[in-house]
Amino acid sequence: MVMGGRIVSPVCDNIDAQGTCVLPPMGGFASTSVGRFDYRNIVGFERATSTVSGQKVTHEGITSGDTLVTVAIEGLNILDVITADRVVARMTSTNAERKNGSDPEALPFGSHFENLRIGGVPIELSPYPQLVSEETSTYQKLVRACLRRCDSSECVPFMYSSGAPIDDNEIPEDHFSDVLKTTSDRTLLAPLFNLKEIQSALPAGCTPSGMHGIAIPGFGVAYFGEYLITRASRRLTMLRIELGCPITGRIMCANVDSNGHWDP
C-alpha cells in the first residue's frame, strides 16, 4: 500500500488506501500506479507505484515460493514539515515447503528514504545491518543473533508488537535456547533504521520518542521503519505519522508485507 489513514479533527474523514496491490494465490505479477495525490493539503505525493511478483520454483529438489514486493513514493509532503524526494519499501521472501523443515526467509534490503527532511533539515537514516543481512533472514536466526544483551549502539532494540521494549534480563544467556523456543510465535517489532545515530542531528525542538519515533513540535510524532516480525511473516511500514497539532489523525506511508503460509 502506498498510503492510507484517517483524519480525526478538525474534520473526521478517511484517507482512502492508495496504490494497493495483491498477488493472486497461484503467483504471477501485479502492478499499480497512482498519479499526483493531494488530501486537503495535509498529505500528498507526486507519483507512486506498487509492484508485486511471485512464483513457485524448484531448486535441488526443494520447492519454494519466491516473492518480491515494492512500493515507491515520489515527492512526499506531509503538512510541509516532513518531505522526501523518494520513499522506497522493498521486501523479498523465500518460503520453502514446510515438509523441508525450514523457516521462511525475508529481507527488507533496499528500503530507504531519499532526501528526507524534517522542518527543512536533512535527515540521513541507515538500517541496522542485522536486519538486512542474509545471515539473519529467518525468524530463528534473527532472534538468535539480535535478541540478546547488547551494549553497542549497533544492537537492534527489539520491542513487543505493542511498542513496549523487551527487557534484556528476560533472556539470560544460560537459558537462551529455552527462551528462544517460547518466543517462536511472538510478534516482535524492530525499528529498521538506527535513530540513535541521528539524535545529535535532529532539528531544534525535535526529540526522540520511544525506540523508533521522533516527536516534532507543532506536528506530532513520526515513526520510521516499523518492522513487524513473526515466524511466518514480515510487515514493513516506512513512515507512520501520529498527528498531534490542530490537525489530528494517523497516516501510514509505504507499507509492504510478506507471509510464509503454504496452502494446506
C-alpha atoms as a PDB file:
ATOM      1  CA  MET A   1       0.000   0.000   0.000  1.00  0.00           C
ATOM      2  CA  VAL A   2       1.258   3.449  -0.910  1.00  0.00           C
ATOM      3  CA  MET A   3      -0.684   5.492   1.625  1.00  0.00           C
ATOM      4  CA  GLY A   4      -3.738   5.467   3.857  1.00  0.00           C
ATOM      5  CA  GLY A   5      -5.026   6.860   7.117  1.00  0.00           C
ATOM      6  CA  ARG A   6      -7.687   8.751   8.972  1.00  0.00           C
ATOM      7  CA  ILE A   7      -8.059  12.388   9.998  1.00  0.00           C
ATOM      8  CA  VAL A   8      -9.961  12.896  13.256  1.00  0.00           C
ATOM      9  CA  SER A   9     -10.081  16.690  13.571  1.00  0.00           C
ATOM     10  CA  PRO A  10     -10.931  19.372  12.550  1.00  0.00           C
ATOM     11  CA  VAL A  11     -12.748  17.094  10.062  1.00  0.00           C
ATOM     12  CA  CYS A  12     -13.425  13.393  10.508  1.00  0.00           C
ATOM     13  CA  ASP A  13     -12.592  11.590   7.296  1.00  0.00           C
ATOM     14  CA  ASN A  14     -10.695   8.618   5.888  1.00  0.00           C
ATOM     15  CA  ILE A  15      -7.690   8.898   3.622  1.00  0.00           C
ATOM     16  CA  ASP A  16      -8.605   6.108   1.231  1.00  0.00           C
ATOM     17  CA  ALA A  17      -5.913   3.500   0.670  1.00  0.00           C
ATOM     18  CA  GLN A  18      -3.805   4.469  -2.338  1.00  0.00           C
ATOM     19  CA  GLY A  19      -1.888   2.089  -4.587  1.00  0.00           C
ATOM     20  CA  THR A  20      -2.969  -1.245  -3.122  1.00  0.00           C
ATOM     21  CA  CYS A  21      -1.613  -4.315  -4.886  1.00  0.00           C
ATOM     22  CA  VAL A  22      -2.217  -8.029  -4.166  1.00  0.00           C
ATOM     23  CA  LEU A  23      -0.739 -11.167  -5.703  1.00  0.00           C
ATOM     24  CA  PRO A  24      -3.117 -13.995  -6.753  1.00  0.00           C
ATOM     25  CA  PRO A  25      -2.713 -17.278  -4.811  1.00  0.00           C
ATOM     26  CA  MET A  26      -1.160 -19.018  -7.829  1.00  0.00           C
ATOM     27  CA  GLY A  27       1.501 -16.321  -8.153  1.00  0.00           C
ATOM     28  CA  GLY A  28       2.220 -14.053 -11.074  1.00  0.00           C
ATOM     29  CA  PHE A  29       2.687 -10.310 -11.368  1.00  0.00           C
ATOM     30  CA  ALA A  30       0.654  -7.269 -10.360  1.00  0.00           C
ATOM     31  CA  SER A  31       1.389  -3.562 -10.501  1.00  0.00           C
ATOM     32  CA  THR A  32      -0.447  -0.297  -9.986  1.00  0.00           C
ATOM     33  CA  SER A  33       0.468   3.366 -10.395  1.00  0.00           C
ATOM     34  CA  VAL A  34      -1.029   6.470  -8.803  1.00  0.00           C
ATOM     35  CA  GLY A  35      -0.636   9.952 -10.234  1.00  0.00           C
ATOM     36  CA  ARG A  36      -0.491  13.180  -8.269  1.00  0.00           C
ATOM     37  CA  PHE A  37      -2.415  12.850  -4.996  1.00  0.00           C
ATOM     38  CA  ASP A  38      -3.328  15.580  -2.515  1.00  0.00           C
ATOM     39  CA  TYR A  39      -5.578  15.188   0.504  1.00  0.00           C
ATOM     40  CA  ARG A  40      -6.799  18.598   1.730  1.00  0.00           C
ATOM     41  CA  ASN A  41      -3.245  19.999   1.602  1.00  0.00           C
ATOM     42  CA  ILE A  42      -2.430  17.737   4.551  1.00  0.00           C
ATOM     43  CA  VAL A  43      -0.596  14.936   2.800  1.00  0.00           C
ATOM     44  CA  GLY A  44       0.270  14.273  -0.800  1.00  0.00           C
ATOM     45  CA  PHE A  45       2.752  12.964  -3.331  1.00  0.00           C
ATOM     46  CA  GLU A  46       3.628  13.480  -6.986  1.00  0.00           C
ATOM     47  CA  ARG A  47       3.618   9.847  -8.097  1.00  0.00           C
ATOM     48  CA  ALA A  48       3.635   6.368  -6.565  1.00  0.00           C
ATOM     49  CA  THR A  49       3.843   2.738  -7.668  1.00  0.00           C
ATOM     50  CA  SER A  50       3.206  -0.661  -6.098  1.00  0.00           C
ATOM     51  CA  THR A  51       4.588  -3.846  -7.630  1.00  0.00           C
ATOM     52  CA  VAL A  52       4.441  -7.466  -6.514  1.00  0.00           C
ATOM     53  CA  SER A  53       5.622 -10.637  -8.214  1.00  0.00           C
ATOM     54  CA  GLY A  54       5.878 -14.245  -7.101  1.00  0.00           C
ATOM     55  CA  GLN A  55       6.275 -17.778  -8.318  1.00  0.00           C
ATOM     56  CA  LYS A  56       6.933 -21.310  -7.154  1.00  0.00           C
ATOM     57  CA  VAL A  57      10.386 -22.570  -8.053  1.00  0.00           C
ATOM     58  CA  THR A  58      12.175 -25.884  -7.512  1.00  0.00           C
ATOM     59  CA  HIS A  59      15.882 -25.953  -6.769  1.00  0.00           C
ATOM     60  CA  GLU A  60      17.782 -29.100  -5.833  1.00  0.00           C
ATOM     61  CA  GLY A  61      14.514 -30.898  -5.211  1.00  0.00           C
ATOM     62  CA  ILE A  62      13.119 -28.246  -2.852  1.00  0.00           C
ATOM     63  CA  THR A  63      10.047 -26.254  -3.884  1.00  0.00           C
ATOM     64  CA  SER A  64       9.663 -22.722  -2.572  1.00  0.00           C
ATOM     65  CA  GLY A  65       7.573 -19.646  -3.178  1.00  0.00           C
ATOM     66  CA  ASP A  66       9.700 -16.607  -4.050  1.00  0.00           C
ATOM     67  CA  THR A  67       8.162 -13.143  -3.900  1.00  0.00           C
ATOM     68  CA  LEU A  68       9.183  -9.515  -4.328  1.00  0.00           C
ATOM     69  CA  VAL A  69       7.046  -6.564  -3.279  1.00  0.00           C
ATOM     70  CA  THR A  70       7.995  -2.920  -3.762  1.00  0.00           C
ATOM     71  CA  VAL A  71       6.288   0.393  -3.027  1.00  0.00           C
ATOM     72  CA  ALA A  72       7.826   3.683  -4.184  1.00  0.00           C
ATOM     73  CA  ILE A  73       6.550   7.194  -3.419  1.00  0.00           C
ATOM     74  CA  GLU A  74       7.924  10.276  -5.164  1.00  0.00           C
ATOM     75  CA  GLY A  75       7.560  13.828  -3.881  1.00  0.00           C
ATOM     76  CA  LEU A  76       6.079  13.037  -0.464  1.00  0.00           C
ATOM     77  CA  ASN A  77       4.856  16.053   1.524  1.00  0.00           C
ATOM     78  CA  ILE A  78       3.119  15.981   4.916  1.00  0.00           C
ATOM     79  CA  LEU A  79       1.988  19.412   6.138  1.00  0.00           C
ATOM     80  CA  ASP A  80       5.182  20.935   4.678  1.00  0.00           C
ATOM     81  CA  VAL A  81       7.025  19.533   7.698  1.00  0.00           C
ATOM     82  CA  ILE A  82       8.092  16.078   6.532  1.00  0.00           C
ATOM     83  CA  THR A  83       9.186  15.860   2.907  1.00  0.00           C
ATOM     84  CA  ALA A  84      11.095  13.309   0.856  1.00  0.00           C
ATOM     85  CA  ASP A  85      12.046  13.123  -2.791  1.00  0.00           C
ATOM     86  CA  ARG A  86      11.510   9.372  -2.727  1.00  0.00           C
ATOM     87  CA  VAL A  87      10.442   6.678  -0.248  1.00  0.00           C
ATOM     88  CA  VAL A  88      11.013   3.021  -1.125  1.00  0.00           C
ATOM     89  CA  ALA A  89       9.754  -0.009   0.787  1.00  0.00           C
ATOM     90  CA  ARG A  90      11.065  -3.316  -0.543  1.00  0.00           C
ATOM     91  CA  MET A  91      10.687  -6.908   0.649  1.00  0.00           C
ATOM     92  CA  THR A  92      11.957 -10.179  -0.792  1.00  0.00           C
ATOM     93  CA  SER A  93      10.943 -13.557   0.612  1.00  0.00           C
ATOM     94  CA  THR A  94      11.542 -17.258   0.040  1.00  0.00           C
ATOM     95  CA  ASN A  95       9.135 -19.734   1.597  1.00  0.00           C
ATOM     96  CA  ALA A  96      10.114 -23.385   1.267  1.00  0.00           C
ATOM     97  CA  GLU A  97       7.565 -26.152   1.738  1.00  0.00           C
ATOM     98  CA  ARG A  98       7.029 -26.918   5.407  1.00  0.00           C
ATOM     99  CA  LYS A  99       7.920 -30.570   4.936  1.00  0.00           C
ATOM    100  CA  ASN A 100      11.503 -29.455   4.416  1.00  0.00           C
ATOM    101  CA  GLY A 101      11.581 -28.103   7.972  1.00  0.00           C
ATOM    102  CA  SER A 102      12.860 -24.648   7.024  1.00  0.00           C
ATOM    103  CA  ASP A 103      11.545 -21.282   8.185  1.00  0.00           C
ATOM    104  CA  PRO A 104      10.535 -18.634   5.637  1.00  0.00           C
ATOM    105  CA  GLU A 105      13.241 -16.152   4.704  1.00  0.00           C
ATOM    106  CA  ALA A 106      12.514 -12.440   4.273  1.00  0.00           C
ATOM    107  CA  LEU A 107      14.657  -9.343   3.852  1.00  0.00           C
ATOM    108  CA  PRO A 108      13.768  -5.621   3.578  1.00  0.00           C
ATOM    109  CA  PHE A 109      17.054  -4.837   1.797  1.00  0.00           C
ATOM    110  CA  GLY A 110      16.780  -1.752  -0.414  1.00  0.00           C
ATOM    111  CA  SER A 111      14.185   0.077   1.676  1.00  0.00           C
ATOM    112  CA  HIS A 112      15.259   3.703   2.039  1.00  0.00           C
ATOM    113  CA  PHE A 113      14.451   7.420   2.020  1.00  0.00           C
ATOM    114  CA  GLU A 114      15.937   9.872  -0.466  1.00  0.00           C
ATOM    115  CA  ASN A 115      16.400  13.485   0.672  1.00  0.00           C
ATOM    116  CA  LEU A 116      14.256  13.053   3.769  1.00  0.00           C
ATOM    117  CA  ARG A 117      13.762  16.352   5.572  1.00  0.00           C
ATOM    118  CA  ILE A 118      12.076  17.355   8.816  1.00  0.00           C
ATOM    119  CA  GLY A 119      11.370  21.065   9.042  1.00  0.00           C
ATOM    120  CA  GLY A 120      13.734  21.566   6.116  1.00  0.00           C
ATOM    121  CA  VAL A 121      16.633  19.835   7.888  1.00  0.00           C
ATOM    122  CA  PRO A 122      18.135  16.825   6.037  1.00  0.00           C
ATOM    123  CA  ILE A 123      17.880  13.511   7.909  1.00  0.00           C
ATOM    124  CA  GLU A 124      20.016  10.516   6.906  1.00  0.00           C
ATOM    125  CA  LEU A 125      18.660   7.153   8.065  1.00  0.00           C
ATOM    126  CA  SER A 126      20.736   3.966   7.937  1.00  0.00           C
ATOM    127  CA  PRO A 127      19.299   0.479   8.523  1.00  0.00           C
ATOM    128  CA  TYR A 128      20.546  -1.850  11.222  1.00  0.00           C
ATOM    129  CA  PRO A 129      22.910  -4.221   9.354  1.00  0.00           C
ATOM    130  CA  GLN A 130      21.467  -7.238  11.169  1.00  0.00           C
ATOM    131  CA  LEU A 131      18.005  -6.641   9.710  1.00  0.00           C
ATOM    132  CA  VAL A 132      19.103  -6.591   6.060  1.00  0.00           C
ATOM    133  CA  SER A 133      21.657  -9.409   6.155  1.00  0.00           C
ATOM    134  CA  GLU A 134      21.074 -12.846   4.625  1.00  0.00           C
ATOM    135  CA  GLU A 135      22.656 -14.294   7.761  1.00  0.00           C
ATOM    136  CA  THR A 136      19.540 -13.260   9.711  1.00  0.00           C
ATOM    137  CA  SER A 137      16.859 -13.804   7.068  1.00  0.00           C
ATOM    138  CA  THR A 138      14.794 -16.288   9.129  1.00  0.00           C
ATOM    139  CA  TYR A 139      12.992 -15.679  12.404  1.00  0.00           C
ATOM    140  CA  GLN A 140      15.146 -18.112  14.364  1.00  0.00           C
ATOM    141  CA  LYS A 141      18.410 -16.696  13.006  1.00  0.00           C
ATOM    142  CA  LEU A 142      17.302 -13.129  13.626  1.00  0.00           C
ATOM    143  CA  VAL A 143      16.216 -13.749  17.199  1.00  0.00           C
ATOM    144  CA  ARG A 144      19.312 -15.781  17.985  1.00  0.00           C
ATOM    145  CA  ALA A 145      21.605 -13.054  16.617  1.00  0.00           C
ATOM    146  CA  CYS A 146      19.844  -9.970  17.954  1.00  0.00           C
ATOM    147  CA  LEU A 147      17.630 -10.721  20.929  1.00  0.00           C
ATOM    148  CA  ARG A 148      20.429 -10.803  23.494  1.00  0.00           C
ATOM    149  CA  ARG A 149      22.089  -8.464  25.938  1.00  0.00           C
ATOM    150  CA  CYS A 150      23.996  -5.878  23.977  1.00  0.00           C
ATOM    151  CA  ASP A 151      25.522  -2.551  24.961  1.00  0.00           C
ATOM    152  CA  SER A 152      26.504  -1.381  21.481  1.00  0.00           C
ATOM    153  CA  SER A 153      24.583   1.342  19.644  1.00  0.00           C
ATOM    154  CA  GLU A 154      24.507  -1.076  16.699  1.00  0.00           C
ATOM    155  CA  CYS A 155      22.264  -3.500  18.612  1.00  0.00           C
ATOM    156  CA  VAL A 156      18.669  -3.724  17.412  1.00  0.00           C
ATOM    157  CA  PRO A 157      16.257  -2.517  20.149  1.00  0.00           C
ATOM    158  CA  PHE A 158      13.552  -5.164  19.789  1.00  0.00           C
ATOM    159  CA  MET A 159      10.093  -4.413  21.139  1.00  0.00           C
ATOM    160  CA  TYR A 160       6.866  -6.286  21.613  1.00  0.00           C
ATOM    161  CA  SER A 161       4.229  -5.527  18.976  1.00  0.00           C
ATOM    162  CA  SER A 162       2.626  -3.131  21.491  1.00  0.00           C
ATOM    163  CA  GLY A 163       5.770  -0.975  21.337  1.00  0.00           C
ATOM    164  CA  ALA A 164       6.955  -1.883  24.841  1.00  0.00           C
ATOM    165  CA  PRO A 165      10.719  -2.567  24.927  1.00  0.00           C
ATOM    166  CA  ILE A 166      11.935  -6.088  25.664  1.00  0.00           C
ATOM    167  CA  ASP A 167      13.984  -6.155  28.843  1.00  0.00           C
ATOM    168  CA  ASP A 168      17.444  -7.625  28.271  1.00  0.00           C
ATOM    169  CA  ASN A 169      17.093  -9.501  31.551  1.00  0.00           C
ATOM    170  CA  GLU A 170      14.231 -11.515  30.078  1.00  0.00           C
ATOM    171  CA  ILE A 171      16.760 -13.614  28.208  1.00  0.00           C
ATOM    172  CA  PRO A 172      19.501 -14.976  30.475  1.00  0.00           C
ATOM    173  CA  GLU A 173      22.467 -16.227  28.481  1.00  0.00           C
ATOM    174  CA  ASP A 174      22.428 -19.660  30.135  1.00  0.00           C
ATOM    175  CA  HIS A 175      18.740 -20.192  29.285  1.00  0.00           C
ATOM    176  CA  PHE A 176      18.671 -18.573  25.854  1.00  0.00           C
ATOM    177  CA  SER A 177      17.890 -21.762  23.905  1.00  0.00           C
ATOM    178  CA  ASP A 178      14.828 -22.423  26.077  1.00  0.00           C
ATOM    179  CA  VAL A 179      13.589 -18.855  25.774  1.00  0.00           C
ATOM    180  CA  LEU A 180      14.096 -18.968  22.008  1.00  0.00           C
ATOM    181  CA  LYS A 181      11.592 -21.808  21.765  1.00  0.00           C
ATOM    182  CA  THR A 182       8.977 -19.887  23.746  1.00  0.00           C
ATOM    183  CA  THR A 183       9.371 -16.759  21.581  1.00  0.00           C
ATOM    184  CA  SER A 184       8.952 -18.588  18.275  1.00  0.00           C
ATOM    185  CA  ASP A 185       5.322 -17.493  17.949  1.00  0.00           C
ATOM    186  CA  ARG A 186       5.685 -13.957  19.311  1.00  0.00           C
ATOM    187  CA  THR A 187       5.143 -10.924  17.160  1.00  0.00           C
ATOM    188  CA  LEU A 188       8.176  -8.692  17.559  1.00  0.00           C
ATOM    189  CA  LEU A 189       8.670  -5.104  16.478  1.00  0.00           C
ATOM    190  CA  ALA A 190      12.020  -3.695  15.451  1.00  0.00           C
ATOM    191  CA  PRO A 191      12.993  -0.318  14.019  1.00  0.00           C
ATOM    192  CA  LEU A 192      14.567  -0.867  10.612  1.00  0.00           C
ATOM    193  CA  PHE A 193      16.598   2.337  10.968  1.00  0.00           C
ATOM    194  CA  ASN A 194      19.081   3.262  13.677  1.00  0.00           C
ATOM    195  CA  LEU A 195      17.757   6.536  15.087  1.00  0.00           C
ATOM    196  CA  LYS A 196      20.453   6.567  17.761  1.00  0.00           C
ATOM    197  CA  GLU A 197      22.916   7.708  15.101  1.00  0.00           C
ATOM    198  CA  ILE A 198      20.967  10.867  14.233  1.00  0.00           C
ATOM    199  CA  GLN A 199      19.904  12.189  17.647  1.00  0.00           C
ATOM    200  CA  SER A 200      22.510  14.950  17.553  1.00  0.00           C
ATOM    201  CA  ALA A 201      21.383  15.955  14.043  1.00  0.00           C
ATOM    202  CA  LEU A 202      17.681  16.359  14.812  1.00  0.00           C
ATOM    203  CA  PRO A 203      16.142  19.767  14.095  1.00  0.00           C
ATOM    204  CA  ALA A 204      15.860  22.158  17.037  1.00  0.00           C
ATOM    205  CA  GLY A 205      12.927  21.216  19.251  1.00  0.00           C
ATOM    206  CA  CYS A 206      12.658  17.643  17.975  1.00  0.00           C
ATOM    207  CA  THR A 207      13.258  14.813  20.436  1.00  0.00           C
ATOM    208  CA  PRO A 208      13.396  11.003  20.256  1.00  0.00           C
ATOM    209  CA  SER A 209      10.120   9.239  21.029  1.00  0.00           C
ATOM    210  CA  GLY A 210      10.456   5.619  22.043  1.00  0.00           C
ATOM    211  CA  MET A 211      12.740   3.352  20.056  1.00  0.00           C
ATOM    212  CA  HIS A 212      11.880   4.492  16.539  1.00  0.00           C
ATOM    213  CA  GLY A 213      10.000   7.778  16.692  1.00  0.00           C
ATOM    214  CA  ILE A 214      10.743  11.493  16.525  1.00  0.00           C
ATOM    215  CA  ALA A 215       8.499  13.972  18.342  1.00  0.00           C
ATOM    216  CA  ILE A 216       8.127  17.097  16.217  1.00  0.00           C
ATOM    217  CA  PRO A 217       6.803  20.278  17.882  1.00  0.00           C
ATOM    218  CA  GLY A 218       3.572  21.621  16.418  1.00  0.00           C
ATOM    219  CA  PHE A 219       3.191  18.466  14.329  1.00  0.00           C
ATOM    220  CA  GLY A 220       3.085  15.153  16.202  1.00  0.00           C
ATOM    221  CA  VAL A 221       5.229  12.033  16.213  1.00  0.00           C
ATOM    222  CA  ALA A 222       6.804  10.372  13.171  1.00  0.00           C
ATOM    223  CA  TYR A 223       7.746   6.684  13.348  1.00  0.00           C
ATOM    224  CA  PHE A 224      10.271   5.428  10.810  1.00  0.00           C
ATOM    225  CA  GLY A 225      10.780   1.877   9.558  1.00  0.00           C
ATOM    226  CA  GLU A 226       8.332  -0.110  11.687  1.00  0.00           C
ATOM    227  CA  TYR A 227       9.269  -3.735  11.059  1.00  0.00           C
ATOM    228  CA  LEU A 228       6.846  -6.366  12.404  1.00  0.00           C
ATOM    229  CA  ILE A 229       8.362  -9.831  12.591  1.00  0.00           C
ATOM    230  CA  THR A 230       6.754 -13.232  13.156  1.00  0.00           C
ATOM    231  CA  ARG A 231       7.969 -16.701  12.357  1.00  0.00           C
ATOM    232  CA  ALA A 232       5.954 -16.782   9.123  1.00  0.00           C
ATOM    233  CA  SER A 233       5.583 -13.147   8.085  1.00  0.00           C
ATOM    234  CA  ARG A 234       7.121  -9.690   7.896  1.00  0.00           C
ATOM    235  CA  ARG A 235       5.491  -6.282   7.573  1.00  0.00           C
ATOM    236  CA  LEU A 236       7.335  -3.019   6.976  1.00  0.00           C
ATOM    237  CA  THR A 237       5.833   0.457   7.263  1.00  0.00           C
ATOM    238  CA  MET A 238       8.362   3.061   6.223  1.00  0.00           C
ATOM    239  CA  LEU A 239       6.565   6.004   7.824  1.00  0.00           C
ATOM    240  CA  ARG A 240       3.703   6.248  10.321  1.00  0.00           C
ATOM    241  CA  ILE A 241       2.520   9.654  11.482  1.00  0.00           C
ATOM    242  CA  GLU A 242       0.527  10.344  14.634  1.00  0.00           C
ATOM    243  CA  LEU A 243      -0.620  13.918  14.107  1.00  0.00           C
ATOM    244  CA  GLY A 244      -0.841  15.911  17.331  1.00  0.00           C
ATOM    245  CA  CYS A 245      -1.325  19.508  16.221  1.00  0.00           C
ATOM    246  CA  PRO A 246      -4.566  21.387  15.392  1.00  0.00           C
ATOM    247  CA  ILE A 247      -4.941  18.603  12.808  1.00  0.00           C
ATOM    248  CA  THR A 248      -5.092  15.170  14.453  1.00  0.00           C
ATOM    249  CA  GLY A 249      -5.137  11.690  12.992  1.00  0.00           C
ATOM    250  CA  ARG A 250      -2.936   8.905  11.674  1.00  0.00           C
ATOM    251  CA  ILE A 251      -1.180   8.483   8.321  1.00  0.00           C
ATOM    252  CA  MET A 252       0.762   5.464   7.037  1.00  0.00           C
ATOM    253  CA  CYS A 253       3.109   5.581   4.049  1.00  0.00           C
ATOM    254  CA  ALA A 254       4.867   2.835   2.042  1.00  0.00           C
ATOM    255  CA  ASN A 255       3.645  -0.410   3.586  1.00  0.00           C
ATOM    256  CA  VAL A 256       4.720  -3.845   2.334  1.00  0.00           C
ATOM    257  CA  ASP A 257       4.245  -7.299   3.791  1.00  0.00           C
ATOM    258  CA  SER A 258       5.047 -10.911   3.040  1.00  0.00           C
ATOM    259  CA  ASN A 259       3.867 -14.138   4.642  1.00  0.00           C
ATOM    260  CA  GLY A 260       5.119 -17.698   4.518  1.00  0.00           C
ATOM    261  CA  HIS A 261       1.921 -19.705   4.809  1.00  0.00           C
ATOM    262  CA  TRP A 262       1.501 -22.518   2.308  1.00  0.00           C
ATOM    263  CA  ASP A 263      -1.882 -23.873   1.258  1.00  0.00           C
ATOM    264  CA  PRO A 264      -2.832 -26.975   3.278  1.00  0.00           C
END
